[in-house]
Amino acid sequence: METLPGLRELPRKAIAEMEFHENQADAAYEFCVLQRVSAVDKDFKRVSFKFVIFDDCYFRNCKFEDCDFTGAQFKDSSFRGSCFPGSCFNYTRFRNCRITPNLISQNLPGWENVALEFAQGLRVNFAQTGDVDGVNRAIKAELRATRVHLRKAAWSGETHYRNKYQGLERLAFGWRSTVFEIFEFVWGNGESLSKLFRTIALVIVICSLVYVGQDYEFEKAIIEAVRTFLGTSTTENVVPLLHESMAASRFVLLGLFVSVLVKRLSRR
């Protein structure tokens, strides 16, 4: 095949229907296509798998220590019981692979944009294999990376962000970052029941302070605030629009509560 100007042919090599029968160290399989390759209880140390395509492979209880998977693709493969201490997963892609969710906490790329793509890819992959725990971990990692990216795009003084986002675009990221932080505080962007309960408790405390300001004892103020939030209070409105405001808060917060439950249950 004729090579086009400015391009060079990659040294792509196919390795098919084989098994690793011994440990590997300081080896390189860059740009290889591994098809139906397997290994069981083997150690891989400082092995380069850059831009490797794992297709229908099986690696069970293997240890990949300080390996480089930059740009690798994992398709229809199983890494059940395998671990990847110190390994690099920059720009990797996953499709229908059984792999440990610990990648999220132990092998997340350092750049927030790469980490975001990594978490998004793993989230889709875990959903394909029915790994609920993996989906939850990936979503949380995705939210953390999104939070850092929005903050830096809006407020960072780093040269990269100042040159890339300027003027109205930077202002737009400031708005998006502010909204993200508000939702993160209120209900963890749909992923934290504890934060939602905290917000409900905060609303009740604020309401109770209004009652305290109307000469209610603190204990009675708390009880009346809870009743007002639940819509069961028969006390006359001591402050204009208090009951209406609490009713609006009740509908919004209970709606968010149901939304979190539905999202959690829908992943099972």
Protein backbone atom coordinates (compact mmCIF):
# COMPACT_ATOMS: atom_id res chain seq x y z
CA MET A 1 0.00 0.00 0.00
CA GLU A 2 1.34 3.39 -0.96
CA THR A 3 2.17 5.65 1.99
CA LEU A 4 0.61 9.10 1.85
CA PRO A 5 2.84 12.18 2.25
CA GLY A 6 3.41 13.09 5.87
CA LEU A 7 2.27 9.69 7.15
CA ARG A 8 4.16 6.58 8.16
CA GLU A 9 2.90 3.06 8.59
CA LEU A 10 2.66 1.84 12.16
CA PRO A 11 4.40 -1.43 13.04
CA ARG A 12 1.09 -3.18 13.77
CA LYS A 13 1.51 -6.90 14.50
CA ALA A 14 -1.20 -9.46 15.18
CA ILE A 15 -0.76 -12.01 17.97
CA ALA A 16 -3.60 -14.51 18.06
CA GLU A 17 -4.58 -17.72 19.84
CA MET A 18 -1.63 -17.67 22.26
CA GLU A 19 -1.04 -17.92 26.01
CA PHE A 20 1.59 -16.29 28.20
CA HIS A 21 3.14 -19.25 30.02
CA GLU A 22 5.75 -17.25 31.96
CA ASN A 23 6.09 -13.87 33.62
CA GLN A 24 7.04 -10.84 31.54
CA ALA A 25 9.40 -8.00 32.48
CA ASP A 26 10.70 -4.99 30.51
CA ALA A 27 9.02 -6.23 27.34
CA ALA A 28 7.30 -4.23 24.61
CA TYR A 29 4.16 -5.13 22.65
CA GLU A 30 3.50 -1.66 21.30
CA PHE A 31 0.98 -1.37 18.43
CA CYS A 32 0.20 -5.09 18.59
CA VAL A 33 -3.25 -6.59 18.15
CA LEU A 34 -3.82 -9.30 20.76
CA GLN A 35 -6.66 -11.57 19.70
CA ARG A 36 -7.83 -14.34 22.03
CA VAL A 37 -4.58 -14.13 24.01
CA SER A 38 -4.68 -15.39 27.59
CA ALA A 39 -2.68 -15.56 30.80
CA VAL A 40 -3.47 -16.87 34.28
CA ASP A 41 -1.62 -15.95 37.50
CA LYS A 42 1.20 -14.19 35.65
CA ASP A 43 3.17 -11.04 36.50
CA PHE A 44 3.84 -8.29 33.97
CA LYS A 45 6.42 -5.72 35.13
CA ARG A 46 7.27 -2.55 33.21
CA VAL A 47 5.72 -3.96 30.04
CA SER A 48 4.70 -1.49 27.34
CA PHE A 49 1.23 -2.07 25.88
CA LYS A 50 1.09 1.33 24.14
CA PHE A 51 -1.69 1.48 21.53
CA VAL A 52 -2.30 -2.26 21.88
CA ILE A 53 -5.73 -3.64 20.96
CA PHE A 54 -6.94 -6.32 23.38
CA ASP A 55 -9.64 -8.21 21.47
CA ASP A 56 -11.47 -11.09 23.17
CA CYS A 57 -8.54 -11.68 25.55
CA TYR A 58 -8.52 -13.40 28.93
CA PHE A 59 -6.14 -12.38 31.73
CA ARG A 60 -7.19 -13.85 35.09
CA ASN A 61 -5.50 -13.02 38.41
CA CYS A 62 -2.62 -11.30 36.66
CA LYS A 63 -0.54 -8.43 38.05
CA PHE A 64 0.36 -5.59 35.71
CA GLU A 65 2.95 -3.57 37.65
CA ASP A 66 4.17 -0.22 36.24
CA CYS A 67 2.89 -1.13 32.78
CA ASP A 68 2.04 1.44 30.12
CA PHE A 69 -1.41 1.14 28.48
CA THR A 70 -1.34 4.58 26.80
CA GLY A 71 -3.80 4.65 23.90
CA ALA A 72 -4.74 0.98 24.35
CA GLN A 73 -8.16 -0.41 23.45
CA PHE A 74 -9.89 -3.10 25.50
CA LYS A 75 -12.67 -4.90 23.63
CA ASP A 76 -14.75 -7.89 24.77
CA SER A 77 -11.99 -9.02 27.12
CA SER A 78 -11.83 -10.24 30.71
CA PHE A 79 -9.30 -9.15 33.35
CA ARG A 80 -11.14 -10.77 36.24
CA GLY A 81 -9.06 -10.71 39.43
CA SER A 82 -6.20 -8.76 37.81
CA CYS A 83 -4.62 -5.66 39.35
CA PHE A 84 -2.68 -2.77 37.83
CA PRO A 85 -0.46 -1.09 40.47
CA GLY A 86 1.40 1.92 39.09
CA SER A 87 0.18 1.37 35.52
CA CYS A 88 -0.62 4.23 33.12
CA PHE A 89 -4.02 4.40 31.37
CA ASN A 90 -3.84 7.70 29.48
CA TYR A 91 -6.22 7.86 26.49
CA THR A 92 -7.38 4.26 26.88
CA ARG A 93 -10.78 3.01 25.71
CA PHE A 94 -12.96 0.20 27.02
CA ARG A 95 -15.86 -1.75 25.55
CA ASN A 96 -17.65 -4.63 27.24
CA CYS A 97 -14.64 -5.62 29.37
CA ARG A 98 -14.63 -7.16 32.82
CA ILE A 99 -12.03 -5.20 34.72
CA THR A 100 -11.60 -4.08 38.33
CA PRO A 101 -13.35 -0.86 39.44
CA ASN A 102 -10.21 -0.10 41.46
CA LEU A 103 -8.85 1.52 38.31
CA ILE A 104 -10.93 4.55 39.31
CA SER A 105 -9.15 5.05 42.63
CA GLN A 106 -5.69 3.72 41.78
CA ASN A 107 -5.00 4.45 38.10
CA LEU A 108 -6.85 7.68 37.30
CA PRO A 109 -4.82 9.85 34.87
CA GLY A 110 -3.34 13.04 36.29
CA TRP A 111 -4.79 15.55 33.80
CA GLU A 112 -8.41 16.36 34.59
CA ASN A 113 -9.56 16.29 30.94
CA VAL A 114 -7.95 12.87 30.39
CA ALA A 115 -9.30 11.67 33.75
CA LEU A 116 -12.78 12.82 32.69
CA GLU A 117 -12.66 10.84 29.44
CA PHE A 118 -11.22 7.84 31.30
CA ALA A 119 -14.03 7.89 33.87
CA GLN A 120 -16.70 8.35 31.18
CA GLY A 121 -15.35 5.41 29.20
CA LEU A 122 -15.25 3.17 32.27
CA ARG A 123 -18.78 4.23 33.27
CA VAL A 124 -20.14 3.08 29.92
CA ASN A 125 -18.08 -0.11 30.09
CA PHE A 126 -19.28 -1.00 33.60
CA ALA A 127 -22.86 -0.35 32.52
CA GLN A 128 -22.37 -2.80 29.64
CA THR A 129 -21.14 -5.52 32.01
CA GLY A 130 -23.70 -4.80 34.74
CA ASP A 131 -21.11 -3.70 37.32
CA VAL A 132 -23.16 -1.33 39.52
CA ASP A 133 -20.31 -0.60 41.92
CA GLY A 134 -18.07 0.29 38.99
CA VAL A 135 -20.71 2.62 37.52
CA ASN A 136 -21.10 4.46 40.84
CA ARG A 137 -17.34 4.86 41.25
CA ALA A 138 -16.93 6.07 37.68
CA ILE A 139 -19.70 8.66 38.04
CA LYS A 140 -18.12 10.07 41.21
CA ALA A 141 -14.72 10.25 39.52
CA GLU A 142 -16.34 11.92 36.51
CA LEU A 143 -17.95 14.54 38.75
CA ARG A 144 -14.65 15.22 40.55
CA ALA A 145 -12.82 15.69 37.25
CA THR A 146 -15.62 17.92 35.91
CA ARG A 147 -15.45 20.06 39.05
CA VAL A 148 -11.69 20.60 38.67
CA HIS A 149 -12.01 21.34 34.95
CA LEU A 150 -14.76 23.94 35.44
CA ARG A 151 -12.87 25.60 38.27
CA LYS A 152 -9.68 25.89 36.27
CA ALA A 153 -11.44 27.02 33.10
CA ALA A 154 -13.19 29.77 35.07
CA TRP A 155 -10.68 30.89 37.68
CA SER A 156 -7.25 29.36 37.06
CA GLY A 157 -4.29 31.61 36.33
CA GLU A 158 -2.45 28.86 34.46
CA THR A 159 -1.26 29.92 31.02
CA HIS A 160 -3.03 27.06 29.27
CA TYR A 161 -6.46 28.03 30.62
CA ARG A 162 -5.94 31.79 30.27
CA ASN A 163 -5.03 31.37 26.60
CA LYS A 164 -7.74 28.82 25.81
CA TYR A 165 -10.68 30.45 27.60
CA GLN A 166 -11.03 34.22 27.38
CA GLY A 167 -13.68 36.91 27.64
CA LEU A 168 -17.29 35.75 27.54
CA GLU A 169 -16.29 32.09 27.30
CA ARG A 170 -14.41 32.37 30.59
CA LEU A 171 -17.42 34.14 32.10
CA ALA A 172 -19.66 31.30 30.91
CA PHE A 173 -17.39 28.77 32.60
CA GLY A 174 -17.60 30.87 35.76
CA TRP A 175 -21.39 30.56 35.69
CA ARG A 176 -21.23 26.82 34.99
CA SER A 177 -18.74 26.34 37.82
CA THR A 178 -20.96 28.28 40.25
CA VAL A 179 -24.06 26.27 39.31
CA PHE A 180 -22.08 23.03 39.59
CA GLU A 181 -20.86 23.97 43.08
CA ILE A 182 -24.40 24.83 44.21
CA PHE A 183 -25.78 21.51 42.99
CA GLU A 184 -22.78 19.73 44.52
CA PHE A 185 -23.59 21.28 47.91
CA VAL A 186 -27.34 20.65 47.68
CA TRP A 187 -27.36 17.01 46.58
CA GLY A 188 -23.91 16.02 45.30
CA ASN A 189 -25.11 16.49 41.71
CA GLY A 190 -27.53 13.63 42.13
CA GLU A 191 -25.09 11.20 43.75
CA SER A 192 -25.25 11.89 47.49
CA LEU A 193 -28.23 11.19 49.73
CA SER A 194 -26.23 12.38 52.75
CA LYS A 195 -25.75 15.84 51.22
CA LEU A 196 -29.45 16.00 50.35
CA PHE A 197 -30.42 15.12 53.94
CA ARG A 198 -27.99 17.77 55.13
CA THR A 199 -29.71 20.34 52.92
CA ILE A 200 -33.13 19.33 54.26
CA ALA A 201 -31.83 19.66 57.82
CA LEU A 202 -30.39 23.08 56.98
CA VAL A 203 -33.75 24.26 55.60
CA ILE A 204 -35.49 23.05 58.77
CA VAL A 205 -32.93 24.82 60.99
CA ILE A 206 -33.41 28.10 59.09
CA CYS A 207 -37.18 27.76 59.49
CA SER A 208 -36.79 27.03 63.20
CA LEU A 209 -34.70 30.20 63.60
CA VAL A 210 -37.61 32.16 62.15
CA TYR A 211 -39.88 30.67 64.81
CA VAL A 212 -37.30 31.43 67.51
CA GLY A 213 -37.36 35.03 66.33
CA GLN A 214 -41.10 34.98 67.02
CA ASP A 215 -40.52 34.07 70.71
CA TYR A 216 -40.90 30.29 70.28
CA GLU A 217 -38.83 28.07 72.56
CA PHE A 218 -36.06 26.29 70.65
CA GLU A 219 -37.51 22.77 71.00
CA LYS A 220 -40.97 23.94 69.97
CA ALA A 221 -39.45 25.92 67.11
CA ILE A 222 -37.75 22.78 65.77
CA ILE A 223 -41.01 20.80 65.98
CA GLU A 224 -42.96 23.53 64.22
CA ALA A 225 -40.26 23.83 61.54
CA VAL A 226 -40.46 20.10 60.82
CA ARG A 227 -44.25 20.27 60.64
CA THR A 228 -44.06 23.28 58.36
CA PHE A 229 -41.65 21.48 56.06
CA LEU A 230 -43.88 18.41 55.93
CA GLY A 231 -46.99 20.55 55.44
CA THR A 232 -48.73 19.36 58.60
CA SER A 233 -48.41 22.55 60.68
CA THR A 234 -51.63 24.27 61.80
CA THR A 235 -49.82 27.31 63.22
CA GLU A 236 -50.82 30.60 61.73
CA ASN A 237 -48.23 32.05 59.40
CA VAL A 238 -45.95 34.02 61.74
CA VAL A 239 -43.91 35.41 58.85
CA PRO A 240 -45.34 36.36 55.46
CA LEU A 241 -44.77 33.66 52.81
CA LEU A 242 -43.08 31.29 55.32
CA HIS A 243 -45.41 28.38 54.64
CA GLU A 244 -45.30 29.02 50.89
CA SER A 245 -41.49 29.07 50.90
CA MET A 246 -41.30 25.87 52.93
CA ALA A 247 -43.85 24.21 50.64
CA ALA A 248 -41.73 25.09 47.62
CA SER A 249 -38.61 23.76 49.38
CA ARG A 250 -40.47 20.58 50.30
CA PHE A 251 -41.55 19.86 46.72
CA VAL A 252 -38.08 20.57 45.31
CA LEU A 253 -36.09 18.62 47.91
CA LEU A 254 -38.43 15.62 47.99
CA GLY A 255 -38.36 15.62 44.19
CA LEU A 256 -34.55 15.50 44.32
CA PHE A 257 -34.76 12.67 46.86
CA VAL A 258 -36.95 10.61 44.54
CA SER A 259 -34.62 11.40 41.64
CA VAL A 260 -31.60 10.05 43.53
CA LEU A 261 -33.47 6.86 44.44
CA VAL A 262 -34.61 6.32 40.85
CA LYS A 263 -31.08 6.83 39.54
CA ARG A 264 -29.65 4.39 42.07
CA LEU A 265 -32.29 1.73 41.46
CA SER A 266 -32.14 2.08 37.67
CA ARG A 267 -28.50 0.98 37.72
CA ARG A 268 -29.33 -2.35 39.31
